[in-house]
Protein backbone atom coordinates (compact mmCIF):
# COMPACT_ATOMS: atom_id res chain seq x y z
CA MET A 1 0.00 0.00 0.00
CA LEU A 2 1.23 3.50 -0.77
CA GLU A 3 -0.58 5.28 2.06
CA GLY A 4 0.39 8.89 2.57
CA LYS A 5 1.98 9.13 -0.87
CA ALA A 6 -1.04 10.36 -2.80
CA VAL A 7 -0.89 13.93 -4.06
CA ILE A 8 -4.18 15.53 -5.04
CA GLY A 9 -3.88 17.77 -8.10
CA GLU A 10 -7.47 18.98 -8.53
CA THR A 11 -10.75 18.11 -6.86
CA ASP A 12 -14.17 19.47 -6.03
CA MET A 13 -15.24 16.44 -3.95
CA LEU A 14 -16.18 16.50 -0.32
CA GLN A 15 -13.33 15.48 1.97
CA THR A 16 -14.96 12.12 2.78
CA MET A 17 -15.26 11.20 -0.91
CA GLN A 18 -11.68 12.29 -1.54
CA GLN A 19 -10.48 10.03 1.26
CA GLU A 20 -12.57 7.15 -0.13
CA ALA A 21 -10.97 7.61 -3.56
CA LEU A 22 -7.47 7.58 -2.06
CA ASN A 23 -8.27 4.53 0.08
CA LEU A 24 -9.68 2.63 -2.90
CA ALA A 25 -6.65 3.48 -5.02
CA ALA A 26 -4.34 2.18 -2.29
CA LYS A 27 -6.46 -0.97 -1.97
CA ALA A 28 -6.41 -1.48 -5.75
CA LEU A 29 -2.62 -1.21 -5.70
CA ASP A 30 -2.56 -3.96 -3.05
CA TYR A 31 -4.53 -6.21 -5.43
CA TYR A 32 -3.00 -5.24 -8.77
CA ASP A 33 0.42 -4.38 -10.14
CA VAL A 34 1.02 -0.76 -11.19
CA THR A 35 1.14 -1.96 -14.81
CA GLU A 36 -2.48 -3.21 -14.62
CA ALA A 37 -4.00 0.25 -15.10
CA THR A 38 -7.26 -1.04 -16.57
CA GLU A 39 -7.90 -3.34 -13.61
CA ILE A 40 -7.10 -0.56 -11.14
CA ALA A 41 -9.50 1.78 -12.96
CA ARG A 42 -12.22 -0.90 -13.06
CA PHE A 43 -11.86 -1.58 -9.34
CA ILE A 44 -12.13 2.10 -8.34
CA LYS A 45 -15.00 2.79 -10.78
CA MET A 46 -17.04 -0.24 -9.65
CA GLU A 47 -16.64 0.65 -5.97
CA PHE A 48 -17.69 4.28 -6.56
CA ASP A 49 -20.67 3.08 -8.64
CA ARG A 50 -21.68 0.76 -5.79
CA THR A 51 -21.24 3.38 -3.06
CA TYR A 52 -22.36 6.62 -4.78
CA GLY A 53 -24.55 5.39 -7.66
CA PRO A 54 -23.83 4.74 -11.34
CA GLY A 55 -22.14 7.01 -13.84
CA TRP A 56 -18.57 7.12 -12.51
CA GLN A 57 -15.61 7.08 -14.90
CA CYS A 58 -12.01 6.31 -13.98
CA VAL A 59 -8.82 6.78 -15.99
CA VAL A 60 -5.53 5.42 -14.70
CA GLY A 61 -2.11 5.75 -16.30
CA THR A 62 1.24 7.43 -16.41
CA ASP A 63 0.72 9.75 -19.37
CA PHE A 64 -2.68 11.02 -20.50
CA GLY A 65 -4.52 14.23 -21.12
CA SER A 66 -8.17 14.84 -20.43
CA PHE A 67 -10.94 17.38 -20.74
CA VAL A 68 -14.20 16.16 -19.24
CA THR A 69 -17.61 17.39 -18.23
CA HIS A 70 -18.49 16.23 -14.73
CA CYS A 71 -21.18 16.63 -12.11
CA HIS A 72 -20.44 19.29 -9.51
CA GLY A 73 -18.73 17.74 -6.49
CA CYS A 74 -17.76 14.58 -8.37
CA PHE A 75 -14.22 15.12 -9.67
CA ILE A 76 -10.77 14.21 -8.39
CA TYR A 77 -7.38 13.97 -10.04
CA PHE A 78 -4.50 12.64 -7.98
CA CYS A 79 -1.15 10.89 -8.30
CA ILE A 80 0.40 8.02 -6.41
CA GLY A 81 4.03 7.96 -7.40
CA SER A 82 4.12 8.11 -11.20
CA LEU A 83 0.56 6.73 -11.52
CA ALA A 84 -2.13 9.34 -12.21
CA ILE A 85 -5.80 8.68 -11.41
CA LEU A 86 -8.74 10.67 -12.73
CA LEU A 87 -12.13 9.82 -11.20
CA PHE A 88 -15.32 11.67 -12.06
CA ARG A 89 -19.04 11.24 -12.43
CA GLY A 90 -20.00 12.09 -15.98
CA SER A 91 -22.58 14.68 -16.90
CA GLY A 92 -24.75 14.33 -19.97
CA LEU A 93 -25.61 18.00 -19.96
CA PRO A 94 -23.62 20.21 -22.31
CA GLU A 95 -21.74 23.14 -20.86
CA ALA A 96 -24.00 26.17 -21.11
CA ASP A 97 -21.54 28.91 -22.04
CA ILE A 98 -18.87 27.02 -23.94
CA SER A 99 -19.32 25.81 -27.48
CA PRO A 100 -16.52 24.05 -29.37
CA PHE A 101 -18.02 25.35 -32.65
CA PRO A 102 -18.94 29.02 -32.32
CA ALA A 103 -21.50 30.24 -34.80
CA LEU A 104 -19.93 31.46 -38.01
CA VAL A 105 -20.69 35.04 -38.86
CA LEU A 106 -20.70 35.71 -42.55
CA GLU A 107 -20.41 39.27 -43.77
CA GLY A 108 -23.48 40.34 -45.70
CA ALA A 109 -25.47 37.25 -44.67
CA LYS A 110 -29.11 37.81 -43.75
CA ALA A 111 -30.86 35.89 -41.00
């Protein structure tokens, strides 16, 4: 177990949920080798689904980027050694003010 070695990068979770995520990650690392990222992610995701309801997503690895939409209070990104863990509850609702494809404005076009 790598207790005390987790470093939280970003989170908006309640302290109790944060601690649960760290505890589950440590437990997963007791069961699985660091190279078994998919199994670690599955373990953490399934436990959060069971405890807090469905819809949780978990990404585990040593080199990844992400940009996700998540439910308020349901996001944590932390590292244990070189292993990074992203855990969040997905949101099906689009972000209200941000559009990846802003409306094109054509000069002389009439609405």
